[in-house]
Amino acid sequence: VPDNYIRPWSESCFGSFQTLTSFRQMVISKANQKDGSKSSIFLARFSKHRSLENELKLSRIASDEFGFEYLAAEKLSFLDQVNLFHGAERIIGAGGAHMANFMFANPDCRIASMTSRHDYDSPVPALMAQVSEARFLQIVGNPLTSLERCDSLHQARHSNFEIDTKTFRKVLKNHFN
């Protein structure tokens, strides 16, 4: 997928929905699907690019007020990640590679992906959630660097961002309850 604004995402993203669905079914059939999966997950993201600057504050709100567990999927094996996402009822996290696992969520799962206004048009999180038939919502935050201050569109797309806590609470209340 090109990382620029020159071409619309709809013209840049190629893939077969049927192939992704078949892959999902094959992987889930091989996973253990252990009992006791965490039902509400706030995905930690450790990156210097597209970093959610107030992630810890938001994770505390999600944990204390809505019962989410803050964890890093990247520290788990692939099949453990599949089990985690497939067993989850609610998933929230900032955009990153872990979003590919949305395709393994169960159809009753509710997912919210957080991203910057500079990167809101990426179809990948919604596509992965659509493969699983999970209910998907995107929360768009404010970038910390304006477009005018970025040297390139690539830099703008990868700039750090924040999500307003009032908006965050409202989304959690409406989307996850």
C-alpha atoms as a PDB file:
ATOM      1  CA  VAL A   1       0.000   0.000   0.000  1.00  0.00           C
ATOM      2  CA  PRO A   2       1.589   3.312  -0.980  1.00  0.00           C
ATOM      3  CA  ASP A   3       2.185   5.621   1.962  1.00  0.00           C
ATOM      4  CA  ASN A   4       1.125   8.928   0.452  1.00  0.00           C
ATOM      5  CA  TYR A   5      -1.868  11.028  -0.495  1.00  0.00           C
ATOM      6  CA  ILE A   6      -1.188  11.013  -4.238  1.00  0.00           C
ATOM      7  CA  ARG A   7      -3.460   8.068  -4.887  1.00  0.00           C
ATOM      8  CA  PRO A   8      -6.705   7.273  -3.051  1.00  0.00           C
ATOM      9  CA  TRP A   9      -6.470   4.250  -0.759  1.00  0.00           C
ATOM     10  CA  SER A  10      -9.324   2.608  -2.645  1.00  0.00           C
ATOM     11  CA  GLU A  11      -7.094   2.514  -5.740  1.00  0.00           C
ATOM     12  CA  SER A  12      -3.990   1.425  -3.836  1.00  0.00           C
ATOM     13  CA  CYS A  13      -5.250  -1.470  -1.740  1.00  0.00           C
ATOM     14  CA  PHE A  14      -5.478  -4.807  -3.463  1.00  0.00           C
ATOM     15  CA  GLY A  15      -6.546  -8.090  -2.006  1.00  0.00           C
ATOM     16  CA  SER A  16      -9.142 -10.758  -2.211  1.00  0.00           C
ATOM     17  CA  PHE A  17     -11.752 -10.683   0.516  1.00  0.00           C
ATOM     18  CA  GLN A  18     -12.437 -14.353  -0.155  1.00  0.00           C
ATOM     19  CA  THR A  19      -8.738 -15.217   0.272  1.00  0.00           C
ATOM     20  CA  LEU A  20      -8.528 -13.308   3.551  1.00  0.00           C
ATOM     21  CA  THR A  21     -11.673 -15.025   4.838  1.00  0.00           C
ATOM     22  CA  SER A  22     -10.308 -18.470   3.904  1.00  0.00           C
ATOM     23  CA  PHE A  23      -6.979 -17.651   5.564  1.00  0.00           C
ATOM     24  CA  ARG A  24      -8.830 -16.509   8.701  1.00  0.00           C
ATOM     25  CA  GLN A  25     -10.808 -19.738   8.898  1.00  0.00           C
ATOM     26  CA  MET A  26      -7.705 -21.894   8.361  1.00  0.00           C
ATOM     27  CA  VAL A  27      -5.685 -20.108  11.066  1.00  0.00           C
ATOM     28  CA  ILE A  28      -8.514 -20.106  13.617  1.00  0.00           C
ATOM     29  CA  SER A  29      -9.021 -23.849  13.069  1.00  0.00           C
ATOM     30  CA  LYS A  30      -5.348 -24.422  13.976  1.00  0.00           C
ATOM     31  CA  ALA A  31      -5.352 -22.127  17.026  1.00  0.00           C
ATOM     32  CA  ASN A  32      -6.008 -23.529  20.501  1.00  0.00           C
ATOM     33  CA  GLN A  33      -8.729 -21.011  21.333  1.00  0.00           C
ATOM     34  CA  LYS A  34      -7.929 -21.330  25.026  1.00  0.00           C
ATOM     35  CA  ASP A  35     -10.553 -20.590  27.631  1.00  0.00           C
ATOM     36  CA  GLY A  36      -9.998 -17.528  29.789  1.00  0.00           C
ATOM     37  CA  SER A  37      -9.125 -15.128  26.976  1.00  0.00           C
ATOM     38  CA  LYS A  38      -9.135 -11.492  27.983  1.00  0.00           C
ATOM     39  CA  SER A  39     -12.514 -10.147  26.995  1.00  0.00           C
ATOM     40  CA  SER A  40     -11.579  -6.452  26.870  1.00  0.00           C
ATOM     41  CA  ILE A  41      -8.190  -5.517  25.443  1.00  0.00           C
ATOM     42  CA  PHE A  42      -6.448  -2.152  25.179  1.00  0.00           C
ATOM     43  CA  LEU A  43      -3.544  -2.780  22.806  1.00  0.00           C
ATOM     44  CA  ALA A  44      -0.217  -1.235  23.791  1.00  0.00           C
ATOM     45  CA  ARG A  45       1.823   0.187  20.936  1.00  0.00           C
ATOM     46  CA  PHE A  46       5.541   0.784  21.288  1.00  0.00           C
ATOM     47  CA  SER A  47       6.728   2.876  18.368  1.00  0.00           C
ATOM     48  CA  LYS A  48       8.360   6.196  17.645  1.00  0.00           C
ATOM     49  CA  HIS A  49       6.076   6.731  14.647  1.00  0.00           C
ATOM     50  CA  ARG A  50       2.323   7.363  14.790  1.00  0.00           C
ATOM     51  CA  SER A  51       2.635   7.191  18.554  1.00  0.00           C
ATOM     52  CA  LEU A  52      -0.440   7.888  20.653  1.00  0.00           C
ATOM     53  CA  GLU A  53       1.126  10.392  23.054  1.00  0.00           C
ATOM     54  CA  ASN A  54      -1.515   9.993  25.761  1.00  0.00           C
ATOM     55  CA  GLU A  55      -1.789   6.202  25.469  1.00  0.00           C
ATOM     56  CA  LEU A  56      -1.046   5.507  29.139  1.00  0.00           C
ATOM     57  CA  LYS A  57      -3.668   8.017  30.296  1.00  0.00           C
ATOM     58  CA  LEU A  58      -6.262   6.533  27.923  1.00  0.00           C
ATOM     59  CA  SER A  59      -5.356   2.983  28.956  1.00  0.00           C
ATOM     60  CA  ARG A  60      -5.965   3.908  32.608  1.00  0.00           C
ATOM     61  CA  ILE A  61      -9.378   5.356  31.721  1.00  0.00           C
ATOM     62  CA  ALA A  62     -10.214   2.208  29.739  1.00  0.00           C
ATOM     63  CA  SER A  63      -9.026  -0.026  32.569  1.00  0.00           C
ATOM     64  CA  ASP A  64     -10.460   1.843  35.561  1.00  0.00           C
ATOM     65  CA  GLU A  65     -13.779   2.910  34.067  1.00  0.00           C
ATOM     66  CA  PHE A  66     -14.526   0.239  31.459  1.00  0.00           C
ATOM     67  CA  GLY A  67     -12.660  -2.927  32.540  1.00  0.00           C
ATOM     68  CA  PHE A  68     -10.055  -3.153  29.753  1.00  0.00           C
ATOM     69  CA  GLU A  69      -6.696  -4.872  30.199  1.00  0.00           C
ATOM     70  CA  TYR A  70      -3.644  -3.065  28.806  1.00  0.00           C
ATOM     71  CA  LEU A  71      -1.334  -5.484  26.996  1.00  0.00           C
ATOM     72  CA  ALA A  72       1.193  -5.758  24.176  1.00  0.00           C
ATOM     73  CA  ALA A  73       0.105  -8.299  21.578  1.00  0.00           C
ATOM     74  CA  GLU A  74       3.554  -8.091  19.977  1.00  0.00           C
ATOM     75  CA  LYS A  75       5.006  -9.977  22.941  1.00  0.00           C
ATOM     76  CA  LEU A  76       2.807 -13.007  22.228  1.00  0.00           C
ATOM     77  CA  SER A  77       3.333 -15.788  19.708  1.00  0.00           C
ATOM     78  CA  PHE A  78       1.276 -15.614  16.526  1.00  0.00           C
ATOM     79  CA  LEU A  79      -1.181 -18.306  17.650  1.00  0.00           C
ATOM     80  CA  ASP A  80      -1.503 -16.693  21.086  1.00  0.00           C
ATOM     81  CA  GLN A  81      -2.376 -13.433  19.325  1.00  0.00           C
ATOM     82  CA  VAL A  82      -4.998 -15.253  17.233  1.00  0.00           C
ATOM     83  CA  ASN A  83      -6.488 -16.763  20.395  1.00  0.00           C
ATOM     84  CA  LEU A  84      -6.449 -13.410  22.153  1.00  0.00           C
ATOM     85  CA  PHE A  85      -8.187 -11.552  19.342  1.00  0.00           C
ATOM     86  CA  HIS A  86     -10.644 -14.375  18.643  1.00  0.00           C
ATOM     87  CA  GLY A  87     -11.631 -14.579  22.307  1.00  0.00           C
ATOM     88  CA  ALA A  88     -12.024 -10.828  22.815  1.00  0.00           C
ATOM     89  CA  GLU A  89     -15.363  -9.100  23.119  1.00  0.00           C
ATOM     90  CA  ARG A  90     -13.877  -5.592  22.973  1.00  0.00           C
ATOM     91  CA  ILE A  91     -10.606  -4.345  21.457  1.00  0.00           C
ATOM     92  CA  ILE A  92      -9.185  -0.844  21.335  1.00  0.00           C
ATOM     93  CA  GLY A  93      -5.773   0.392  20.279  1.00  0.00           C
ATOM     94  CA  ALA A  94      -3.762   2.870  18.260  1.00  0.00           C
ATOM     95  CA  GLY A  95      -2.987   1.957  14.661  1.00  0.00           C
ATOM     96  CA  GLY A  96      -0.114  -0.449  14.112  1.00  0.00           C
ATOM     97  CA  ALA A  97       0.825  -3.885  12.827  1.00  0.00           C
ATOM     98  CA  HIS A  98      -1.387  -5.571  15.434  1.00  0.00           C
ATOM     99  CA  MET A  99      -4.408  -4.347  13.447  1.00  0.00           C
ATOM    100  CA  ALA A 100      -3.888  -7.222  11.017  1.00  0.00           C
ATOM    101  CA  ASN A 101      -5.140  -9.432  13.860  1.00  0.00           C
ATOM    102  CA  PHE A 102      -8.556  -7.765  13.677  1.00  0.00           C
ATOM    103  CA  MET A 103      -9.295 -10.379  11.002  1.00  0.00           C
ATOM    104  CA  PHE A 104      -9.217 -13.066  13.727  1.00  0.00           C
ATOM    105  CA  ALA A 105     -11.760 -11.368  16.005  1.00  0.00           C
ATOM    106  CA  ASN A 106     -15.069 -13.092  16.522  1.00  0.00           C
ATOM    107  CA  PRO A 107     -18.114 -11.618  14.760  1.00  0.00           C
ATOM    108  CA  ASP A 108     -19.568 -10.351  18.064  1.00  0.00           C
ATOM    109  CA  CYS A 109     -16.421  -8.351  18.870  1.00  0.00           C
ATOM    110  CA  ARG A 110     -16.449  -4.561  18.941  1.00  0.00           C
ATOM    111  CA  ILE A 111     -13.256  -2.869  17.771  1.00  0.00           C
ATOM    112  CA  ALA A 112     -12.111   0.750  17.975  1.00  0.00           C
ATOM    113  CA  SER A 113      -8.922   1.820  16.235  1.00  0.00           C
ATOM    114  CA  MET A 114      -7.303   5.143  17.160  1.00  0.00           C
ATOM    115  CA  THR A 115      -5.440   7.139  14.546  1.00  0.00           C
ATOM    116  CA  SER A 116      -4.276  10.618  13.613  1.00  0.00           C
ATOM    117  CA  ARG A 117      -6.258  12.952  11.413  1.00  0.00           C
ATOM    118  CA  HIS A 118      -3.259  12.733   9.034  1.00  0.00           C
ATOM    119  CA  ASP A 119      -3.735   8.955   8.693  1.00  0.00           C
ATOM    120  CA  TYR A 120      -7.502   8.491   9.008  1.00  0.00           C
ATOM    121  CA  ASP A 121      -8.030   7.376   5.418  1.00  0.00           C
ATOM    122  CA  SER A 122      -6.147   4.076   5.702  1.00  0.00           C
ATOM    123  CA  PRO A 123      -8.613   1.269   4.934  1.00  0.00           C
ATOM    124  CA  VAL A 124      -6.544  -1.517   6.521  1.00  0.00           C
ATOM    125  CA  PRO A 125      -8.065  -1.584  10.052  1.00  0.00           C
ATOM    126  CA  ALA A 126     -11.635  -1.508   8.730  1.00  0.00           C
ATOM    127  CA  LEU A 127     -10.865  -4.140   6.100  1.00  0.00           C
ATOM    128  CA  MET A 128      -9.363  -6.516   8.680  1.00  0.00           C
ATOM    129  CA  ALA A 129     -12.360  -6.019  10.982  1.00  0.00           C
ATOM    130  CA  GLN A 130     -14.712  -6.590   8.048  1.00  0.00           C
ATOM    131  CA  VAL A 131     -13.071  -9.968   7.344  1.00  0.00           C
ATOM    132  CA  SER A 132     -14.084 -11.066  10.848  1.00  0.00           C
ATOM    133  CA  GLU A 133     -17.492  -9.340  10.624  1.00  0.00           C
ATOM    134  CA  ALA A 134     -16.668  -7.505  13.867  1.00  0.00           C
ATOM    135  CA  ARG A 135     -18.220  -4.117  14.557  1.00  0.00           C
ATOM    136  CA  PHE A 136     -15.584  -1.457  13.787  1.00  0.00           C
ATOM    137  CA  LEU A 137     -15.185   2.195  14.708  1.00  0.00           C
ATOM    138  CA  GLN A 138     -12.297   4.574  14.135  1.00  0.00           C
ATOM    139  CA  ILE A 139     -11.403   7.311  16.621  1.00  0.00           C
ATOM    140  CA  VAL A 140      -9.565  10.182  14.950  1.00  0.00           C
ATOM    141  CA  GLY A 141      -7.180  12.271  17.033  1.00  0.00           C
ATOM    142  CA  ASN A 142      -5.244  15.460  16.617  1.00  0.00           C
ATOM    143  CA  PRO A 143      -1.736  15.237  15.180  1.00  0.00           C
ATOM    144  CA  LEU A 144       0.990  16.942  17.181  1.00  0.00           C
ATOM    145  CA  THR A 145       2.624  18.223  13.989  1.00  0.00           C
ATOM    146  CA  SER A 146       0.678  20.285  11.478  1.00  0.00           C
ATOM    147  CA  LEU A 147       0.864  19.465   7.778  1.00  0.00           C
ATOM    148  CA  GLU A 148       2.641  22.751   7.194  1.00  0.00           C
ATOM    149  CA  ARG A 149       5.491  21.755   9.524  1.00  0.00           C
ATOM    150  CA  CYS A 150       6.039  18.347   7.929  1.00  0.00           C
ATOM    151  CA  ASP A 151       8.724  17.906   5.287  1.00  0.00           C
ATOM    152  CA  SER A 152       6.666  15.317   3.428  1.00  0.00           C
ATOM    153  CA  LEU A 153       3.294  13.631   3.373  1.00  0.00           C
ATOM    154  CA  HIS A 154       5.032  10.499   4.632  1.00  0.00           C
ATOM    155  CA  GLN A 155       6.195  12.406   7.716  1.00  0.00           C
ATOM    156  CA  ALA A 156       2.690  13.807   8.241  1.00  0.00           C
ATOM    157  CA  ARG A 157       1.105  10.354   8.054  1.00  0.00           C
ATOM    158  CA  HIS A 158       3.581   9.070  10.668  1.00  0.00           C
ATOM    159  CA  SER A 159       3.344  12.006  13.063  1.00  0.00           C
ATOM    160  CA  ASN A 160       2.409  11.409  16.686  1.00  0.00           C
ATOM    161  CA  PHE A 161      -1.096  12.267  17.872  1.00  0.00           C
ATOM    162  CA  GLU A 162      -3.440  12.517  20.848  1.00  0.00           C
ATOM    163  CA  ILE A 163      -7.040  11.528  21.467  1.00  0.00           C
ATOM    164  CA  ASP A 164      -9.170  13.907  23.507  1.00  0.00           C
ATOM    165  CA  THR A 165     -10.105  12.176  26.792  1.00  0.00           C
ATOM    166  CA  LYS A 166     -13.696  13.466  26.710  1.00  0.00           C
ATOM    167  CA  THR A 167     -14.162  12.071  23.200  1.00  0.00           C
ATOM    168  CA  PHE A 168     -12.472   8.816  24.263  1.00  0.00           C
ATOM    169  CA  ARG A 169     -14.851   8.290  27.198  1.00  0.00           C
ATOM    170  CA  LYS A 170     -17.876   9.079  25.023  1.00  0.00           C
ATOM    171  CA  VAL A 171     -16.791   6.578  22.368  1.00  0.00           C
ATOM    172  CA  LEU A 172     -16.120   3.865  24.948  1.00  0.00           C
ATOM    173  CA  LYS A 173     -19.513   4.438  26.545  1.00  0.00           C
ATOM    174  CA  ASN A 174     -21.406   4.416  23.231  1.00  0.00           C
ATOM    175  CA  HIS A 175     -19.477   1.801  21.253  1.00  0.00           C
ATOM    176  CA  PHE A 176     -18.603  -0.714  23.956  1.00  0.00           C
ATOM    177  CA  ASN A 177     -21.636  -0.664  26.251  1.00  0.00           C
END
